[in-house]
Amino acid sequence: MLRHALQRPVHLAARASPTGAATRLDVQIGETTRGLEAVWVGQGWPSDLEMLRDIPVPWPRDIVVAARRFSPGALERLAELGANWADETGRAYIDGPDGLLVVREPAEVRRDAAKTFRWSRSAQEIGELLLTRHNEANVSAREIAERTGWSHAQASNVLRHFDAQGWTRKSGAARGRYSVRTLVEPGALLEAWGTFVGSADRERIRAHRVLREPMAFLETELAPALSSSTQWACSGWAGLEVAAPFATTVPTLQIYVEEAAISDGRIRQVMSALSLREVDEGARLEFWGGEPLMLSLVLERRGLPIVSSARLYADLRALGGRGEDAAQHVREELLGF
């Protein structure tokens, strides 16, 4: 990792550091050798940085924090500390001793993956279905067509494009009912699909009311009112709180409802009954239009409907900041890839 970031000859050797076990890096710069200490902190979450609390201030120029992938929240904290860091994605910021300066921020692979594939509505829905069923060994185009409502020809066409991206692999018969697909790169599909879903326009209504306890409001007032009017499901911070608690507050409620319920006035009737007013900014609730297939994939937890884990991941990541940390938590705890 550090050889790649530094792009210089590096010699590694075990050695003690202020944080305990660390790795000694002797970096060759011309005819001069500079010594660094690499401190491994694991995944790269903000909580992983707690082990750095004994490092003195100001940050020693010869200590570099290393992780698999630093989250946005962790990078904010490292910036506050004035720390040197590098991770396995190839990113690094090292303002080291004696003029050693390394700043690397390669383009995000997931953004490139999303741009090389055209996400039609059928591809979006089939992608979510595959991610929801990622534990199943094989799935056929016929099964996907029956589940999504798209034609067999359209399902087959989408799957061929998924094959070309390397997300799925075809096996069995060359064509026909005995041809099946295996999801071989669920993580890559999740990243590309999640990038598209998070950036896509959607019908929405923003609403506000003073809420001291958003989750209590959701469970006691909003849920009964919505259930009598439309299909719906929690996502965002509320979905996270129910499906995979992450020791964070719920600043806003993100709720999917039937697309028609936004346009035909049902959601505004619910808002009126609950003294919610429509706003352009400062909303405590957002109602998002959801497709029928997406709403059919919801799971019930604690008596509340929650979107699929893939959808929850995408929506949290789209919130940015701490939302990206929360999305990674969902990926590890609920998706497992």
Protein backbone atom coordinates (compact mmCIF):
# COMPACT_ATOMS: atom_id res chain seq x y z
CA MET A 1 0.00 0.00 0.00
CA LEU A 2 2.64 2.52 1.10
CA ARG A 3 5.04 1.53 -1.67
CA HIS A 4 2.24 2.32 -4.14
CA ALA A 5 1.41 5.66 -2.47
CA LEU A 6 5.02 6.79 -2.09
CA GLN A 7 6.18 5.50 -5.48
CA ARG A 8 9.67 5.14 -4.00
CA PRO A 9 11.82 2.26 -2.74
CA VAL A 10 10.67 1.34 0.77
CA HIS A 11 12.20 -1.05 3.30
CA LEU A 12 9.84 -2.45 5.97
CA ALA A 13 10.74 -3.65 9.46
CA ALA A 14 8.81 -4.18 12.73
CA ARG A 15 9.35 -1.56 15.41
CA ALA A 16 7.59 -0.08 18.46
CA SER A 17 5.76 3.24 18.19
CA PRO A 18 3.80 5.59 20.50
CA THR A 19 0.65 3.58 19.71
CA GLY A 20 2.18 0.16 20.22
CA ALA A 21 2.99 -2.25 17.35
CA ALA A 22 3.82 -0.44 14.13
CA THR A 23 5.85 -0.85 10.96
CA ARG A 24 9.11 0.95 10.25
CA LEU A 25 9.39 2.42 6.75
CA ASP A 26 12.76 3.53 5.43
CA VAL A 27 11.94 5.65 2.37
CA GLN A 28 14.67 6.27 -0.20
CA ILE A 29 14.67 9.83 -1.58
CA GLY A 30 17.61 10.26 -3.92
CA GLU A 31 20.64 9.30 -1.86
CA THR A 32 18.85 10.06 1.44
CA THR A 33 16.77 7.71 3.60
CA ARG A 34 13.80 9.03 5.59
CA GLY A 35 12.19 7.01 8.38
CA LEU A 36 8.41 6.75 8.85
CA GLU A 37 6.19 4.79 11.25
CA ALA A 38 3.05 3.20 9.76
CA VAL A 39 0.24 2.60 12.27
CA TRP A 40 -2.49 0.24 11.04
CA VAL A 41 -6.02 1.11 12.27
CA GLY A 42 -8.13 -1.47 10.39
CA GLN A 43 -11.14 -0.58 8.24
CA GLY A 44 -10.73 3.19 8.48
CA TRP A 45 -13.87 4.23 10.37
CA PRO A 46 -13.89 7.21 12.78
CA SER A 47 -14.12 4.79 15.72
CA ASP A 48 -10.90 3.09 14.51
CA LEU A 49 -9.02 6.33 15.14
CA GLU A 50 -9.54 6.07 18.90
CA MET A 51 -6.28 4.13 19.13
CA LEU A 52 -4.46 7.31 18.06
CA ARG A 53 -5.40 9.25 21.20
CA ASP A 54 -1.92 8.87 22.73
CA ILE A 55 -0.09 10.39 19.77
CA PRO A 56 1.20 13.83 20.79
CA VAL A 57 0.10 17.18 19.37
CA PRO A 58 1.23 18.57 16.98
CA TRP A 59 1.20 15.43 14.88
CA PRO A 60 4.68 13.89 14.49
CA ARG A 61 5.77 14.18 10.86
CA ASP A 62 7.17 10.64 10.85
CA ILE A 63 3.91 8.82 11.77
CA VAL A 64 1.52 7.66 9.01
CA VAL A 65 -1.91 6.16 9.76
CA ALA A 66 -2.89 3.30 7.42
CA ALA A 67 -6.24 1.55 6.80
CA ARG A 68 -8.17 -0.42 4.19
CA ARG A 69 -10.29 2.59 3.18
CA PHE A 70 -10.76 5.74 5.21
CA SER A 71 -14.36 6.93 5.33
CA PRO A 72 -15.22 10.63 4.82
CA GLY A 73 -15.80 11.05 8.55
CA ALA A 74 -12.42 9.50 9.35
CA LEU A 75 -10.70 11.75 6.82
CA GLU A 76 -12.29 14.79 8.47
CA ARG A 77 -10.93 13.67 11.83
CA LEU A 78 -7.46 13.00 10.39
CA ALA A 79 -7.46 16.50 8.89
CA GLU A 80 -8.35 17.95 12.30
CA LEU A 81 -5.41 16.06 13.81
CA GLY A 82 -3.07 17.18 11.04
CA ALA A 83 -2.24 13.51 10.53
CA ASN A 84 -0.42 11.73 7.73
CA TRP A 85 -2.42 8.88 6.23
CA ALA A 86 -2.66 6.34 3.40
CA ASP A 87 -5.11 3.57 2.54
CA GLU A 88 -5.43 0.59 0.22
CA THR A 89 -7.34 2.57 -2.43
CA GLY A 90 -4.07 4.36 -3.23
CA ARG A 91 -5.11 7.64 -1.59
CA ALA A 92 -2.58 9.31 0.69
CA TYR A 93 -1.62 12.55 2.37
CA ILE A 94 1.87 12.53 3.87
CA ASP A 95 3.64 15.71 4.90
CA GLY A 96 6.70 13.94 6.21
CA PRO A 97 10.10 14.88 7.57
CA ASP A 98 12.75 16.71 5.57
CA GLY A 99 10.53 17.81 2.72
CA LEU A 100 8.77 14.49 1.99
CA LEU A 101 5.31 15.40 0.57
CA VAL A 102 2.87 12.89 -0.95
CA VAL A 103 -0.70 13.77 -2.01
CA ARG A 104 -2.57 11.12 -3.97
CA GLU A 105 -6.29 11.13 -4.74
CA PRO A 106 -6.99 8.73 -7.66
CA ALA A 107 -10.34 8.84 -9.40
CA GLU A 108 -13.00 6.75 -7.75
CA VAL A 109 -13.49 3.41 -9.50
CA ARG A 110 -17.14 3.28 -8.53
CA ARG A 111 -17.89 6.58 -10.31
CA ASP A 112 -16.18 5.32 -13.48
CA ALA A 113 -18.13 2.06 -13.32
CA ALA A 114 -21.42 3.93 -13.11
CA LYS A 115 -20.55 6.10 -16.13
CA THR A 116 -19.70 3.19 -18.43
CA PHE A 117 -23.14 1.63 -18.13
CA ARG A 118 -26.46 3.16 -19.11
CA TRP A 119 -28.95 2.61 -16.31
CA SER A 120 -32.43 2.18 -17.76
CA ARG A 121 -35.33 1.64 -15.37
CA SER A 122 -35.32 -2.06 -16.18
CA ALA A 123 -31.59 -2.29 -15.39
CA GLN A 124 -32.10 -0.41 -12.13
CA GLU A 125 -34.88 -2.75 -11.00
CA ILE A 126 -33.10 -5.93 -12.10
CA GLY A 127 -29.93 -4.73 -10.38
CA GLU A 128 -31.76 -4.24 -7.09
CA LEU A 129 -33.42 -7.63 -7.38
CA LEU A 130 -30.07 -9.36 -7.98
CA LEU A 131 -28.48 -7.54 -5.03
CA THR A 132 -31.38 -8.56 -2.82
CA ARG A 133 -30.95 -12.18 -3.90
CA HIS A 134 -27.15 -12.18 -3.90
CA ASN A 135 -26.99 -15.29 -1.70
CA GLU A 136 -28.76 -17.39 -4.34
CA ALA A 137 -26.42 -19.44 -6.52
CA ASN A 138 -28.20 -18.98 -9.87
CA VAL A 139 -31.10 -17.05 -11.31
CA SER A 140 -32.62 -17.22 -14.79
CA ALA A 141 -33.84 -14.44 -17.06
CA ARG A 142 -37.29 -16.06 -16.95
CA GLU A 143 -37.40 -15.83 -13.15
CA ILE A 144 -36.29 -12.21 -13.28
CA ALA A 145 -38.90 -11.37 -15.91
CA GLU A 146 -41.65 -12.95 -13.82
CA ARG A 147 -40.53 -11.15 -10.66
CA THR A 148 -40.02 -7.71 -12.19
CA GLY A 149 -42.72 -7.62 -14.83
CA TRP A 150 -40.26 -6.85 -17.62
CA SER A 151 -40.37 -9.01 -20.72
CA HIS A 152 -38.09 -12.03 -21.02
CA ALA A 153 -36.31 -10.33 -23.92
CA GLN A 154 -35.68 -7.16 -21.90
CA ALA A 155 -34.46 -9.11 -18.87
CA SER A 156 -32.08 -11.10 -21.08
CA ASN A 157 -30.78 -7.92 -22.69
CA VAL A 158 -30.06 -6.32 -19.29
CA LEU A 159 -28.29 -9.46 -18.09
CA ARG A 160 -26.08 -9.51 -21.20
CA HIS A 161 -24.99 -5.99 -20.34
CA PHE A 162 -24.35 -7.07 -16.73
CA ASP A 163 -22.21 -9.93 -18.10
CA ALA A 164 -20.20 -7.43 -20.15
CA GLN A 165 -19.52 -5.37 -17.03
CA GLY A 166 -18.28 -8.49 -15.23
CA TRP A 167 -21.03 -8.35 -12.57
CA THR A 168 -22.75 -11.58 -13.65
CA ARG A 169 -21.66 -14.74 -15.44
CA LYS A 170 -23.76 -16.91 -17.71
CA SER A 171 -23.81 -20.69 -17.35
CA GLY A 172 -25.94 -23.63 -18.46
CA ALA A 173 -27.47 -23.60 -21.92
CA ALA A 174 -26.35 -20.97 -24.41
CA ARG A 175 -29.89 -19.62 -24.47
CA GLY A 176 -33.41 -20.51 -23.44
CA ARG A 177 -35.00 -21.62 -20.17
CA TYR A 178 -31.94 -23.54 -18.93
CA SER A 179 -29.61 -20.53 -19.18
CA VAL A 180 -28.83 -19.04 -15.74
CA ARG A 181 -26.77 -16.21 -14.30
CA THR A 182 -24.51 -16.11 -11.25
CA LEU A 183 -23.77 -12.82 -9.51
CA VAL A 184 -19.96 -13.00 -9.39
CA GLU A 185 -19.10 -9.39 -8.44
CA PRO A 186 -21.84 -8.20 -6.06
CA GLY A 187 -19.62 -5.47 -4.63
CA ALA A 188 -18.90 -3.94 -8.03
CA LEU A 189 -22.58 -4.07 -8.99
CA LEU A 190 -23.55 -2.48 -5.67
CA GLU A 191 -21.11 0.39 -6.18
CA ALA A 192 -22.22 1.16 -9.74
CA TRP A 193 -25.94 0.66 -9.01
CA GLY A 194 -25.73 2.61 -5.76
CA THR A 195 -24.01 5.54 -7.46
CA PHE A 196 -26.80 5.74 -10.03
CA VAL A 197 -29.65 5.37 -7.54
CA GLY A 198 -28.15 7.94 -5.21
CA SER A 199 -27.82 10.56 -7.95
CA ALA A 200 -31.10 9.88 -9.80
CA ASP A 201 -33.91 12.43 -9.70
CA ARG A 202 -37.03 11.33 -7.87
CA GLU A 203 -40.39 12.83 -7.06
CA ARG A 204 -40.34 14.11 -3.51
CA ILE A 205 -42.18 16.24 -0.99
CA ARG A 206 -40.30 17.93 1.83
CA ALA A 207 -42.17 18.53 5.07
CA HIS A 208 -41.52 20.06 8.46
CA ARG A 209 -42.84 19.88 12.00
CA VAL A 210 -41.02 20.33 15.27
CA LEU A 211 -40.07 16.79 16.28
CA ARG A 212 -38.31 16.14 19.56
CA GLU A 213 -38.19 12.38 18.93
CA PRO A 214 -38.40 11.62 15.17
CA MET A 215 -38.48 7.83 15.67
CA ALA A 216 -41.31 8.08 18.22
CA PHE A 217 -43.24 10.25 15.76
CA LEU A 218 -42.60 7.71 13.02
CA GLU A 219 -43.78 4.74 15.07
CA THR A 220 -46.82 6.28 16.79
CA GLU A 221 -48.17 8.83 14.29
CA LEU A 222 -46.68 8.59 10.82
CA ALA A 223 -46.67 4.81 10.37
CA PRO A 224 -50.41 4.32 11.11
CA ALA A 225 -51.35 7.25 8.86
CA LEU A 226 -49.25 6.01 5.94
CA SER A 227 -50.31 2.38 6.28
CA SER A 228 -53.94 3.35 5.76
CA SER A 229 -53.10 5.35 2.62
CA THR A 230 -50.22 3.82 0.65
CA GLN A 231 -47.43 1.28 0.45
CA TRP A 232 -44.38 2.77 2.10
CA ALA A 233 -40.97 1.99 3.56
CA CYS A 234 -38.26 3.66 5.66
CA SER A 235 -34.86 4.45 4.25
CA GLY A 236 -32.03 6.80 5.21
CA TRP A 237 -31.44 7.51 8.89
CA ALA A 238 -34.69 5.91 10.08
CA GLY A 239 -34.04 2.75 8.08
CA LEU A 240 -30.53 2.62 9.53
CA GLU A 241 -31.81 3.04 13.09
CA VAL A 242 -34.19 0.12 12.69
CA ALA A 243 -32.14 -2.27 10.53
CA ALA A 244 -28.57 -1.69 11.74
CA PRO A 245 -28.25 0.81 14.62
CA PHE A 246 -25.15 2.94 14.22
CA ALA A 247 -25.00 5.08 17.36
CA THR A 248 -26.17 8.22 15.58
CA THR A 249 -29.15 10.54 15.78
CA VAL A 250 -32.00 10.61 13.25
CA PRO A 251 -31.91 14.21 11.97
CA THR A 252 -34.46 13.62 9.20
CA LEU A 253 -36.90 10.91 8.15
CA GLN A 254 -36.62 9.60 4.57
CA ILE A 255 -39.75 7.70 3.58
CA TYR A 256 -40.57 5.99 0.27
CA VAL A 257 -44.22 5.93 -0.79
CA GLU A 258 -46.01 4.91 -3.96
CA GLU A 259 -45.22 7.32 -6.78
CA ALA A 260 -48.93 7.83 -7.39
CA ALA A 261 -49.49 8.80 -3.75
CA ILE A 262 -47.35 11.91 -4.28
CA SER A 263 -49.18 13.09 -7.37
CA ASP A 264 -52.76 12.17 -6.40
CA GLY A 265 -52.78 14.06 -3.10
CA ARG A 266 -52.71 11.17 -0.61
CA ILE A 267 -49.41 12.21 0.98
CA ARG A 268 -50.54 15.80 1.33
CA GLN A 269 -53.67 14.54 3.09
CA VAL A 270 -51.49 12.62 5.52
CA MET A 271 -49.37 15.72 6.04
CA SER A 272 -52.45 17.82 6.80
CA ALA A 273 -53.74 15.29 9.33
CA LEU A 274 -50.36 15.27 11.13
CA SER A 275 -49.82 19.06 11.02
CA LEU A 276 -46.88 18.75 8.63
CA ARG A 277 -46.25 21.73 6.36
CA GLU A 278 -44.55 21.55 2.98
CA VAL A 279 -41.20 23.36 2.80
CA ASP A 280 -38.38 23.93 0.33
CA GLU A 281 -35.59 23.65 2.90
CA GLY A 282 -35.09 22.73 6.54
CA ALA A 283 -37.29 19.63 6.20
CA ARG A 284 -37.52 17.06 8.98
CA LEU A 285 -39.25 14.59 6.65
CA GLU A 286 -38.87 13.73 2.99
CA PHE A 287 -41.39 11.61 1.10
CA TRP A 288 -39.82 9.96 -1.96
CA GLY A 289 -41.64 8.32 -4.85
CA GLY A 290 -40.83 4.61 -5.02
CA GLU A 291 -41.27 2.06 -7.82
CA PRO A 292 -43.59 -0.93 -7.27
CA LEU A 293 -40.74 -3.47 -7.43
CA MET A 294 -38.67 -1.56 -4.87
CA LEU A 295 -41.64 -1.44 -2.50
CA SER A 296 -42.19 -5.17 -3.00
CA LEU A 297 -38.66 -5.90 -1.72
CA VAL A 298 -39.14 -4.29 1.70
CA LEU A 299 -38.56 -6.21 4.91
CA GLU A 300 -40.37 -5.70 8.18
CA ARG A 301 -38.25 -4.94 11.23
CA ARG A 302 -39.57 -3.81 14.60
CA GLY A 303 -42.98 -3.54 12.99
CA LEU A 304 -41.80 -1.06 10.34
CA PRO A 305 -41.24 -1.66 6.60
CA ILE A 306 -37.60 -1.08 5.62
CA VAL A 307 -36.18 -0.85 2.08
CA SER A 308 -33.79 -3.52 0.82
CA SER A 309 -30.29 -3.40 2.29
CA ALA A 310 -28.88 -2.41 -1.12
CA ARG A 311 -31.32 0.50 -1.38
CA LEU A 312 -30.56 1.57 2.20
CA TYR A 313 -26.84 1.53 1.36
CA ALA A 314 -27.35 3.68 -1.75
CA ASP A 315 -29.58 6.22 -0.02
CA LEU A 316 -27.27 6.66 2.97
CA ARG A 317 -24.22 7.05 0.75
CA ALA A 318 -26.02 9.72 -1.25
CA LEU A 319 -26.49 11.76 1.95
CA GLY A 320 -22.70 12.27 2.08
CA GLY A 321 -20.56 12.92 5.14
CA ARG A 322 -21.55 10.65 8.00
CA GLY A 323 -24.02 9.02 5.63
CA GLU A 324 -21.11 7.37 3.82
CA ASP A 325 -19.83 5.93 7.11
CA ALA A 326 -23.33 4.65 7.83
CA ALA A 327 -23.56 3.15 4.33
CA GLN A 328 -20.33 1.23 4.90
CA HIS A 329 -21.81 -0.05 8.17
CA VAL A 330 -24.87 -1.32 6.28
CA ARG A 331 -22.66 -2.99 3.70
CA GLU A 332 -20.68 -4.84 6.35
CA GLU A 333 -23.53 -5.69 8.73
CA LEU A 334 -26.40 -6.43 6.34
CA LEU A 335 -24.92 -7.20 2.91
CA GLY A 336 -21.63 -8.85 3.83
CA PHE A 337 -19.73 -8.04 0.64
